[in-house]
Amino acid sequence: MRTNNVQRFREALLMSKAELARRAGLSTLTIDRIESGRPCRLDTKRRILMALGMRVADRDRLFGADAADPSDAPRAAALAESA
């Protein structure tokens, strides 16, 4: 499984999983899965980034260098433009 920094950033902000889930419009189970390294959709990553006060351009810092799936490249570009 891939590693990410979601838990580290969340805890640095003194934010609970439930608070991050509420701000991102996701379930706490989804946050738990992502923090344990399970893959997620690009839109879910965007929601988490925004909920943590980060920009889409910061995705590599939060999700690692392989954050963008090559098959999502057109969507990633569209999301970056809309941010």
N, C-alpha and C. Protein backbone atom coordinates (compact mmCIF):
# COMPACT_ATOMS: atom_id res chain seq x y z
N MET A 1 0.83 -1.18 0.00
CA MET A 1 0.00 0.00 0.00
C MET A 1 0.88 1.25 0.00
N ARG A 2 0.37 2.29 -0.60
CA ARG A 2 1.09 3.55 -0.65
C ARG A 2 1.01 4.26 0.70
N THR A 3 2.04 5.02 1.00
CA THR A 3 2.00 5.82 2.22
C THR A 3 1.63 7.25 1.85
N ASN A 4 1.05 7.94 2.78
CA ASN A 4 0.71 9.34 2.58
C ASN A 4 0.87 10.08 3.90
N ASN A 5 0.68 11.38 3.85
CA ASN A 5 0.86 12.22 5.03
C ASN A 5 -0.45 12.80 5.55
N VAL A 6 -1.56 12.22 5.18
CA VAL A 6 -2.85 12.77 5.59
C VAL A 6 -2.96 12.81 7.11
N GLN A 7 -2.64 11.73 7.77
CA GLN A 7 -2.74 11.69 9.23
C GLN A 7 -1.79 12.71 9.86
N ARG A 8 -0.58 12.79 9.36
CA ARG A 8 0.40 13.73 9.91
C ARG A 8 -0.09 15.17 9.80
N PHE A 9 -0.59 15.57 8.63
CA PHE A 9 -1.08 16.93 8.44
C PHE A 9 -2.32 17.18 9.28
N ARG A 10 -3.22 16.20 9.33
CA ARG A 10 -4.45 16.34 10.12
C ARG A 10 -4.11 16.55 11.59
N GLU A 11 -3.22 15.73 12.12
CA GLU A 11 -2.85 15.84 13.54
C GLU A 11 -2.09 17.13 13.82
N ALA A 12 -1.30 17.62 12.88
CA ALA A 12 -0.59 18.89 13.06
C ALA A 12 -1.57 20.05 13.20
N LEU A 13 -2.74 19.90 12.59
CA LEU A 13 -3.79 20.91 12.70
C LEU A 13 -4.71 20.66 13.90
N LEU A 14 -4.37 19.64 14.71
CA LEU A 14 -5.18 19.24 15.87
C LEU A 14 -6.62 18.96 15.46
N MET A 15 -6.77 18.25 14.35
CA MET A 15 -8.08 17.95 13.79
C MET A 15 -8.35 16.45 13.93
N SER A 16 -9.54 16.11 14.35
CA SER A 16 -9.92 14.71 14.47
C SER A 16 -10.30 14.16 13.08
N LYS A 17 -10.36 12.85 12.99
CA LYS A 17 -10.82 12.23 11.74
C LYS A 17 -12.24 12.66 11.43
N ALA A 18 -13.06 12.75 12.47
CA ALA A 18 -14.46 13.14 12.26
C ALA A 18 -14.56 14.56 11.73
N GLU A 19 -13.71 15.46 12.23
CA GLU A 19 -13.73 16.85 11.76
C GLU A 19 -13.26 16.93 10.31
N LEU A 20 -12.21 16.22 9.98
CA LEU A 20 -11.74 16.21 8.59
C LEU A 20 -12.81 15.63 7.67
N ALA A 21 -13.43 14.56 8.10
CA ALA A 21 -14.49 13.95 7.30
C ALA A 21 -15.64 14.93 7.08
N ARG A 22 -16.03 15.64 8.13
CA ARG A 22 -17.12 16.61 8.02
C ARG A 22 -16.76 17.73 7.05
N ARG A 23 -15.56 18.29 7.20
CA ARG A 23 -15.13 19.39 6.34
C ARG A 23 -14.99 18.97 4.88
N ALA A 24 -14.58 17.72 4.67
CA ALA A 24 -14.37 17.22 3.31
C ALA A 24 -15.64 16.63 2.70
N GLY A 25 -16.68 16.43 3.51
CA GLY A 25 -17.90 15.82 3.00
C GLY A 25 -17.72 14.34 2.74
N LEU A 26 -16.91 13.68 3.56
CA LEU A 26 -16.62 12.26 3.42
C LEU A 26 -16.98 11.54 4.71
N SER A 27 -16.93 10.23 4.69
CA SER A 27 -17.18 9.47 5.91
C SER A 27 -15.88 9.29 6.68
N THR A 28 -16.00 9.06 7.98
CA THR A 28 -14.80 8.80 8.78
C THR A 28 -14.14 7.49 8.34
N LEU A 29 -14.92 6.55 7.86
CA LEU A 29 -14.36 5.31 7.35
C LEU A 29 -13.46 5.58 6.14
N THR A 30 -13.88 6.49 5.27
CA THR A 30 -13.07 6.85 4.11
C THR A 30 -11.76 7.48 4.55
N ILE A 31 -11.82 8.38 5.52
CA ILE A 31 -10.60 9.02 6.04
C ILE A 31 -9.68 7.95 6.63
N ASP A 32 -10.24 7.03 7.38
CA ASP A 32 -9.45 5.95 7.98
C ASP A 32 -8.76 5.12 6.90
N ARG A 33 -9.48 4.78 5.86
CA ARG A 33 -8.91 3.99 4.77
C ARG A 33 -7.77 4.73 4.07
N ILE A 34 -7.98 6.01 3.82
CA ILE A 34 -6.96 6.81 3.13
C ILE A 34 -5.71 6.95 4.00
N GLU A 35 -5.91 7.20 5.29
CA GLU A 35 -4.77 7.32 6.19
C GLU A 35 -3.99 6.01 6.30
N SER A 36 -4.64 4.90 6.08
CA SER A 36 -3.94 3.62 6.14
C SER A 36 -3.26 3.27 4.81
N GLY A 37 -3.39 4.16 3.82
CA GLY A 37 -2.68 3.97 2.56
C GLY A 37 -3.49 3.39 1.43
N ARG A 38 -4.77 3.19 1.63
CA ARG A 38 -5.61 2.65 0.55
C ARG A 38 -5.79 3.72 -0.53
N PRO A 39 -5.94 3.32 -1.79
CA PRO A 39 -6.12 4.29 -2.87
C PRO A 39 -7.51 4.94 -2.80
N CYS A 40 -7.60 6.12 -3.41
CA CYS A 40 -8.89 6.80 -3.47
C CYS A 40 -8.99 7.58 -4.78
N ARG A 41 -10.19 8.05 -5.05
CA ARG A 41 -10.42 8.80 -6.28
C ARG A 41 -9.78 10.19 -6.20
N LEU A 42 -9.54 10.77 -7.35
CA LEU A 42 -8.94 12.09 -7.44
C LEU A 42 -9.82 13.14 -6.76
N ASP A 43 -11.12 13.04 -6.91
CA ASP A 43 -12.02 14.00 -6.28
C ASP A 43 -11.94 13.91 -4.75
N THR A 44 -11.76 12.72 -4.22
CA THR A 44 -11.62 12.54 -2.78
C THR A 44 -10.34 13.20 -2.30
N LYS A 45 -9.27 13.06 -3.06
CA LYS A 45 -8.01 13.72 -2.71
C LYS A 45 -8.20 15.24 -2.71
N ARG A 46 -8.89 15.75 -3.71
CA ARG A 46 -9.13 17.20 -3.79
C ARG A 46 -9.92 17.67 -2.58
N ARG A 47 -10.94 16.93 -2.18
CA ARG A 47 -11.76 17.30 -1.03
C ARG A 47 -10.93 17.35 0.26
N ILE A 48 -10.04 16.36 0.41
CA ILE A 48 -9.19 16.33 1.60
C ILE A 48 -8.21 17.50 1.59
N LEU A 49 -7.62 17.76 0.45
CA LEU A 49 -6.70 18.90 0.34
C LEU A 49 -7.39 20.19 0.75
N MET A 50 -8.58 20.44 0.22
CA MET A 50 -9.31 21.66 0.52
C MET A 50 -9.69 21.72 2.01
N ALA A 51 -10.09 20.59 2.56
CA ALA A 51 -10.50 20.55 3.97
C ALA A 51 -9.32 20.83 4.90
N LEU A 52 -8.12 20.51 4.45
CA LEU A 52 -6.92 20.77 5.25
C LEU A 52 -6.32 22.14 4.96
N GLY A 53 -7.00 22.92 4.12
CA GLY A 53 -6.53 24.26 3.80
C GLY A 53 -5.37 24.27 2.82
N MET A 54 -5.26 23.23 2.02
CA MET A 54 -4.18 23.13 1.05
C MET A 54 -4.72 23.32 -0.36
N ARG A 55 -3.80 23.48 -1.31
CA ARG A 55 -4.19 23.64 -2.71
C ARG A 55 -3.97 22.33 -3.45
N VAL A 56 -4.60 22.21 -4.61
CA VAL A 56 -4.44 21.00 -5.43
C VAL A 56 -2.96 20.81 -5.78
N ALA A 57 -2.25 21.90 -5.97
CA ALA A 57 -0.82 21.83 -6.29
C ALA A 57 -0.01 21.19 -5.17
N ASP A 58 -0.55 21.13 -3.96
CA ASP A 58 0.15 20.54 -2.81
C ASP A 58 -0.08 19.03 -2.70
N ARG A 59 -0.72 18.42 -3.67
CA ARG A 59 -1.09 17.01 -3.55
C ARG A 59 0.10 16.08 -3.34
N ASP A 60 1.24 16.41 -3.95
CA ASP A 60 2.42 15.55 -3.76
C ASP A 60 2.91 15.58 -2.32
N ARG A 61 2.81 16.73 -1.66
CA ARG A 61 3.21 16.83 -0.25
C ARG A 61 2.33 15.97 0.63
N LEU A 62 1.06 15.89 0.30
CA LEU A 62 0.10 15.17 1.13
C LEU A 62 -0.01 13.70 0.76
N PHE A 63 -0.07 13.40 -0.52
CA PHE A 63 -0.33 12.03 -0.97
C PHE A 63 0.89 11.32 -1.54
N GLY A 64 2.01 12.00 -1.66
CA GLY A 64 3.21 11.38 -2.22
C GLY A 64 3.35 11.68 -3.69
N ALA A 65 4.53 11.41 -4.22
CA ALA A 65 4.84 11.75 -5.61
C ALA A 65 3.97 11.00 -6.61
N ASP A 66 3.46 9.83 -6.23
CA ASP A 66 2.62 9.06 -7.15
C ASP A 66 1.15 9.36 -6.93
N ALA A 67 0.85 10.57 -6.41
CA ALA A 67 -0.52 10.93 -6.06
C ALA A 67 -1.46 10.93 -7.26
N ALA A 68 -0.96 11.37 -8.38
CA ALA A 68 -1.82 11.43 -9.56
C ALA A 68 -1.64 10.17 -10.39
N ASP A 69 -2.70 9.44 -10.55
CA ASP A 69 -2.70 8.26 -11.40
C ASP A 69 -2.58 8.75 -12.84
N PRO A 70 -1.68 8.20 -13.65
CA PRO A 70 -1.53 8.67 -15.04
C PRO A 70 -2.84 8.66 -15.82
N SER A 71 -3.75 7.77 -15.49
CA SER A 71 -5.03 7.75 -16.19
C SER A 71 -5.90 8.93 -15.81
N ASP A 72 -5.55 9.62 -14.71
CA ASP A 72 -6.32 10.78 -14.26
C ASP A 72 -5.70 12.10 -14.73
N ALA A 73 -4.67 12.07 -15.57
CA ALA A 73 -3.97 13.29 -15.98
C ALA A 73 -4.91 14.37 -16.53
N PRO A 74 -5.83 14.05 -17.44
CA PRO A 74 -6.73 15.11 -17.93
C PRO A 74 -7.60 15.69 -16.81
N ARG A 75 -8.08 14.84 -15.92
CA ARG A 75 -8.89 15.34 -14.80
C ARG A 75 -8.06 16.16 -13.84
N ALA A 76 -6.80 15.77 -13.61
CA ALA A 76 -5.93 16.50 -12.70
C ALA A 76 -5.68 17.91 -13.24
N ALA A 77 -5.46 18.02 -14.54
CA ALA A 77 -5.25 19.32 -15.14
C ALA A 77 -6.50 20.19 -15.02
N ALA A 78 -7.66 19.61 -15.24
CA ALA A 78 -8.91 20.35 -15.13
C ALA A 78 -9.15 20.83 -13.70
N LEU A 79 -8.86 19.97 -12.72
CA LEU A 79 -9.03 20.36 -11.32
C LEU A 79 -8.06 21.45 -10.93
N ALA A 80 -6.83 21.39 -11.41
CA ALA A 80 -5.83 22.40 -11.09
C ALA A 80 -6.26 23.75 -11.65
N GLU A 81 -6.83 23.75 -12.84
CA GLU A 81 -7.28 25.00 -13.46
C GLU A 81 -8.45 25.60 -12.70
N SER A 82 -9.31 24.76 -12.15
CA SER A 82 -10.51 25.27 -11.46
C SER A 82 -10.21 25.70 -10.04
N ALA A 83 -9.05 25.34 -9.51
CA ALA A 83 -8.71 25.67 -8.12
C ALA A 83 -8.21 27.09 -7.97
